[in-house]
Amino acid sequence: MKIVNDHLQFPKASLVKCNDYGYIHVAAELEKPIGPFPRSTERKRKVILQSKEISNRLRELPDVRNVNVFEALVIPPGRGKLLEKRKGKVHLAQFDVVVLIETSHKEATQQVQEHPLFQELIQLLSQKSNFTHIVAATNVRRIAEVDKSQQGVFLFNYFYADDVHELLPVWEYTAGWFEAKTALDNSTLLIPEEGEQSQYGLINHCRWDRLSDIIPDLLFRPTFRKYVLENFEVNGIAAMPILYKLAST
């Protein structure tokens, strides 16, 4: 791992033991955003409603802990020079709808994916979206569980790396900044299961209460660029963060 601006020091992230759950992350691009703002259309609202109806039935399956549907709040346009240089190697994440399925153990993800209800969900999103991304994953680093029992601002951060082996050490090195500067107290970092064909080497998931808890820090704190983004860039890593809310009925 290469380090730049090492005069800047932040405490290491306060990590706890990873959980043993399985995850299926289903992401879809239904409508192209206008600048950083997702579009809201009748078609999209209908798909979200249908996704929630299927998700409610999926939640009743054995070994399914939880299913949540997320709708994008902010999709930052442009994600830096590295992605421009790697155009065609990775899909630029603009997912305005995400369904996150959590299973009680890692082995259950395959069974859920084979179930007709899951196939119904995938068929719906594939037919109605411009692009879908489906990956089974496990928790590889954790600050604390993400509270999805109440509304908030939820991050899914999609990471590309020239060398996926650099992702974890660089994520660990930079994660402390978010605890120190944004009062982040939760995060479940997801890594694709072995054999999965994922566009992204890691997907980080976390939550804040309000947009004002995170947006000003990303826009106005110089250390975000110097400590976080520049250390990503020097290690051939690009982050594609999208902020979401729990989709309403």
Protein backbone atom coordinates (compact mmCIF):
# COMPACT_ATOMS: atom_id res chain seq x y z
CA MET A 1 0.00 0.00 0.00
CA LYS A 2 1.28 3.44 -0.94
CA ILE A 3 0.61 6.37 1.38
CA VAL A 4 0.55 10.06 0.47
CA ASN A 5 0.14 13.05 2.79
CA ASP A 6 1.35 10.95 5.71
CA HIS A 7 1.62 14.10 7.83
CA LEU A 8 -2.15 13.76 8.21
CA GLN A 9 -2.99 11.25 10.92
CA PHE A 10 -6.37 9.89 11.97
CA PRO A 11 -7.11 7.09 14.43
CA LYS A 12 -7.69 3.65 12.98
CA ALA A 13 -11.32 2.64 12.58
CA SER A 14 -12.70 0.87 15.65
CA LEU A 15 -13.43 -2.48 14.06
CA VAL A 16 -15.29 -5.38 15.69
CA LYS A 17 -15.63 -9.01 14.68
CA CYS A 18 -17.36 -9.55 11.33
CA ASN A 19 -20.84 -11.06 11.30
CA ASP A 20 -21.60 -14.46 9.78
CA TYR A 21 -24.55 -13.35 7.65
CA GLY A 22 -24.88 -13.71 3.92
CA TYR A 23 -25.83 -10.82 1.65
CA ILE A 24 -27.32 -10.49 -1.80
CA HIS A 25 -26.90 -6.98 -3.16
CA VAL A 26 -29.18 -6.24 -6.11
CA ALA A 27 -28.66 -2.84 -7.76
CA ALA A 28 -30.56 -1.35 -10.68
CA GLU A 29 -30.36 1.79 -12.80
CA LEU A 30 -33.92 2.71 -13.68
CA GLU A 31 -33.57 6.39 -14.59
CA LYS A 32 -30.52 8.46 -15.47
CA PRO A 33 -29.90 11.16 -12.84
CA ILE A 34 -30.05 14.87 -13.58
CA GLY A 35 -26.72 16.05 -12.22
CA PRO A 36 -26.46 14.56 -8.73
CA PHE A 37 -30.21 14.16 -8.34
CA PRO A 38 -32.09 10.95 -9.19
CA ARG A 39 -35.19 11.31 -11.31
CA SER A 40 -38.56 10.37 -9.91
CA THR A 41 -41.00 9.01 -12.46
CA GLU A 42 -44.27 7.14 -12.30
CA ARG A 43 -42.59 4.11 -13.87
CA LYS A 44 -39.86 4.12 -11.23
CA ARG A 45 -42.34 4.51 -8.36
CA LYS A 46 -44.28 1.53 -9.67
CA VAL A 47 -41.14 -0.62 -9.88
CA ILE A 48 -40.16 0.35 -6.33
CA LEU A 49 -43.62 -0.57 -5.07
CA GLN A 50 -43.46 -3.93 -6.84
CA SER A 51 -39.95 -4.52 -5.48
CA LYS A 52 -41.17 -3.85 -1.96
CA GLU A 53 -44.07 -6.25 -2.39
CA ILE A 54 -41.73 -9.03 -3.52
CA SER A 55 -39.27 -8.14 -0.75
CA ASN A 56 -41.98 -8.50 1.88
CA ARG A 57 -42.60 -12.04 0.66
CA LEU A 58 -38.88 -12.81 0.48
CA ARG A 59 -38.58 -11.76 4.11
CA GLU A 60 -40.83 -14.67 5.10
CA LEU A 61 -38.45 -17.29 3.68
CA PRO A 62 -36.45 -19.51 6.06
CA ASP A 63 -32.92 -18.20 6.64
CA VAL A 64 -33.77 -14.69 5.41
CA ARG A 65 -33.01 -12.17 8.19
CA ASN A 66 -34.07 -9.02 6.43
CA VAL A 67 -34.82 -7.45 3.06
CA ASN A 68 -34.69 -3.70 2.44
CA VAL A 69 -35.35 -1.59 -0.63
CA PHE A 70 -33.37 1.64 -1.00
CA GLU A 71 -34.00 4.62 -3.26
CA ALA A 72 -31.13 6.97 -4.18
CA LEU A 73 -31.01 10.49 -2.75
CA VAL A 74 -27.72 11.73 -4.23
CA ILE A 75 -25.68 10.22 -7.07
CA PRO A 76 -22.49 12.30 -7.43
CA PRO A 77 -21.69 12.98 -11.10
CA GLY A 78 -18.16 12.17 -12.26
CA ARG A 79 -16.00 10.05 -9.99
CA GLY A 80 -12.46 11.26 -10.63
CA LYS A 81 -9.61 10.86 -13.08
CA LEU A 82 -8.96 7.17 -12.44
CA LEU A 83 -12.38 6.09 -13.68
CA GLU A 84 -11.97 8.26 -16.76
CA LYS A 85 -8.71 6.46 -17.52
CA ARG A 86 -10.30 3.05 -16.85
CA LYS A 87 -13.36 3.68 -18.98
CA GLY A 88 -14.75 0.36 -20.18
CA LYS A 89 -13.07 -1.65 -17.41
CA VAL A 90 -15.71 -0.95 -14.78
CA HIS A 91 -19.33 0.16 -14.87
CA LEU A 92 -19.80 3.65 -13.43
CA ALA A 93 -22.28 3.07 -10.60
CA GLN A 94 -25.47 5.11 -10.95
CA PHE A 95 -27.82 2.72 -9.17
CA ASP A 96 -30.99 4.51 -8.12
CA VAL A 97 -32.63 1.41 -6.60
CA VAL A 98 -31.00 -1.23 -4.39
CA VAL A 99 -32.47 -4.32 -2.76
CA LEU A 100 -30.31 -5.74 0.04
CA ILE A 101 -31.16 -9.26 1.20
CA GLU A 102 -29.57 -10.53 4.42
CA THR A 103 -29.50 -14.24 5.23
CA SER A 104 -28.89 -15.86 8.61
CA HIS A 105 -25.78 -17.64 7.33
CA LYS A 106 -23.52 -17.36 4.30
CA GLU A 107 -24.52 -20.66 2.75
CA ALA A 108 -28.16 -19.56 2.41
CA THR A 109 -27.52 -16.99 -0.33
CA GLN A 110 -27.48 -19.63 -3.06
CA GLN A 111 -30.79 -21.11 -1.90
CA VAL A 112 -32.41 -17.68 -1.88
CA GLN A 113 -31.11 -16.91 -5.37
CA GLU A 114 -32.67 -20.14 -6.64
CA HIS A 115 -36.08 -19.33 -5.15
CA PRO A 116 -38.89 -18.25 -7.55
CA LEU A 117 -39.48 -15.06 -5.54
CA PHE A 118 -35.89 -13.95 -6.08
CA GLN A 119 -36.17 -14.79 -9.77
CA GLU A 120 -39.35 -12.69 -9.90
CA LEU A 121 -37.48 -9.74 -8.38
CA ILE A 122 -34.57 -10.06 -10.81
CA GLN A 123 -36.90 -10.38 -13.79
CA LEU A 124 -38.76 -7.22 -12.73
CA LEU A 125 -35.61 -5.14 -12.27
CA SER A 126 -33.85 -6.49 -15.35
CA GLN A 127 -36.82 -5.72 -17.59
CA LYS A 128 -37.38 -2.23 -16.21
CA SER A 129 -33.81 -0.97 -15.81
CA ASN A 130 -30.94 0.03 -18.06
CA PHE A 131 -28.40 -1.96 -16.04
CA THR A 132 -28.50 -4.38 -13.11
CA HIS A 133 -25.74 -5.70 -10.88
CA ILE A 134 -26.27 -8.72 -8.63
CA VAL A 135 -23.69 -10.05 -6.20
CA ALA A 136 -23.67 -12.44 -3.26
CA ALA A 137 -21.35 -11.16 -0.55
CA THR A 138 -20.13 -11.57 2.99
CA ASN A 139 -19.05 -9.15 5.70
CA VAL A 140 -15.27 -8.65 5.63
CA ARG A 141 -14.86 -5.66 8.02
CA ARG A 142 -17.31 -4.14 10.50
CA ILE A 143 -17.55 -1.08 12.72
CA ALA A 144 -21.09 -2.01 13.85
CA GLU A 145 -24.33 -3.22 12.30
CA VAL A 146 -26.22 -0.75 10.11
CA ASP A 147 -29.59 0.14 11.66
CA LYS A 148 -32.19 -0.32 8.94
CA SER A 149 -35.15 -0.26 11.32
CA GLN A 150 -35.57 3.50 10.88
CA GLN A 151 -35.18 6.04 8.12
CA GLY A 152 -31.82 7.69 7.59
CA VAL A 153 -29.15 8.39 4.99
CA PHE A 154 -27.62 5.13 3.81
CA LEU A 155 -24.38 4.84 1.89
CA PHE A 156 -23.53 2.16 -0.61
CA ASN A 157 -19.99 2.88 -1.77
CA TYR A 158 -18.90 0.85 -4.79
CA PHE A 159 -15.12 0.32 -4.98
CA TYR A 160 -13.06 -0.42 -8.06
CA ALA A 161 -9.34 -1.26 -7.80
CA ASP A 162 -6.67 -2.04 -10.35
CA ASP A 163 -5.45 -4.59 -7.79
CA VAL A 164 -8.24 -5.87 -5.51
CA HIS A 165 -5.67 -6.91 -2.90
CA GLU A 166 -5.04 -3.22 -2.18
CA LEU A 167 -8.68 -2.52 -1.31
CA LEU A 168 -8.86 -3.77 2.28
CA PRO A 169 -5.69 -2.12 3.63
CA VAL A 170 -6.54 1.20 1.97
CA TRP A 171 -10.15 1.04 3.21
CA GLU A 172 -8.92 0.36 6.75
CA TYR A 173 -6.39 3.19 6.53
CA THR A 174 -8.99 5.75 5.43
CA ALA A 175 -12.07 4.56 7.38
CA GLY A 176 -10.91 6.27 10.56
CA TRP A 177 -11.40 9.64 8.85
CA PHE A 178 -15.15 9.00 8.63
CA GLU A 179 -15.37 8.13 12.33
CA ALA A 180 -13.35 11.21 13.30
CA LYS A 181 -14.96 13.75 10.96
CA THR A 182 -18.53 12.51 10.39
CA ALA A 183 -19.19 10.72 13.70
CA LEU A 184 -19.74 7.48 11.80
CA ASP A 185 -20.52 4.69 14.28
CA ASN A 186 -21.57 1.84 11.97
CA SER A 187 -20.42 0.10 8.80
CA THR A 188 -20.63 -3.34 7.24
CA LEU A 189 -18.09 -3.74 4.47
CA LEU A 190 -19.15 -6.36 1.92
CA ILE A 191 -16.85 -8.47 -0.23
CA PRO A 192 -18.10 -10.64 -3.12
CA GLU A 193 -18.24 -14.35 -2.40
CA GLU A 194 -15.59 -16.44 -4.11
CA GLY A 195 -16.49 -17.03 -7.74
CA GLU A 196 -18.88 -14.07 -7.99
CA GLN A 197 -18.55 -11.92 -11.11
CA SER A 198 -18.72 -8.48 -9.52
CA GLN A 199 -17.84 -5.15 -11.06
CA TYR A 200 -16.79 -3.93 -7.62
CA GLY A 201 -14.17 -5.40 -5.29
CA LEU A 202 -15.89 -4.05 -2.18
CA ILE A 203 -19.23 -2.44 -1.36
CA ASN A 204 -19.35 -0.45 1.86
CA HIS A 205 -22.67 0.06 3.62
CA CYS A 206 -23.30 2.49 6.47
CA ARG A 207 -25.82 5.00 7.82
CA TRP A 208 -26.12 8.55 9.14
CA ASP A 209 -29.25 10.23 10.49
CA ARG A 210 -29.33 13.19 8.10
CA LEU A 211 -27.73 14.45 4.88
CA SER A 212 -26.21 17.30 6.91
CA ASP A 213 -24.22 14.70 8.88
CA ILE A 214 -22.17 13.76 5.82
CA ILE A 215 -22.56 16.07 2.78
CA PRO A 216 -20.75 19.15 4.23
CA ASP A 217 -17.78 17.02 5.29
CA LEU A 218 -17.41 15.54 1.81
CA LEU A 219 -17.69 18.94 0.13
CA PHE A 220 -15.82 21.28 2.45
CA ARG A 221 -13.24 19.37 4.50
CA PRO A 222 -9.85 19.57 2.72
CA THR A 223 -8.68 16.43 4.52
CA PHE A 224 -11.32 14.37 2.72
CA ARG A 225 -9.47 14.89 -0.55
CA LYS A 226 -5.96 14.89 0.91
CA TYR A 227 -6.34 11.92 3.25
CA VAL A 228 -9.07 9.80 1.67
CA LEU A 229 -9.34 10.45 -2.07
CA GLU A 230 -5.65 10.95 -2.80
CA ASN A 231 -4.74 7.73 -0.99
CA PHE A 232 -7.37 5.95 -3.05
CA GLU A 233 -5.97 7.39 -6.27
CA VAL A 234 -2.31 6.59 -5.60
CA ASN A 235 -3.29 2.96 -4.99
CA GLY A 236 -5.36 2.66 -8.17
CA ILE A 237 -8.68 2.71 -6.31
CA ALA A 238 -11.86 4.57 -7.22
CA ALA A 239 -14.87 4.98 -4.95
CA MET A 240 -18.37 5.45 -6.36
CA PRO A 241 -20.51 6.54 -3.39
CA ILE A 242 -24.29 6.83 -3.63
CA LEU A 243 -26.53 8.02 -0.79
CA TYR A 244 -29.93 6.39 -0.32
CA LYS A 245 -33.04 6.40 1.83
CA LEU A 246 -35.31 3.51 2.69
CA ALA A 247 -37.86 3.37 -0.12
CA SER A 248 -41.31 4.46 1.02
CA THR A 249 -44.45 2.55 0.09
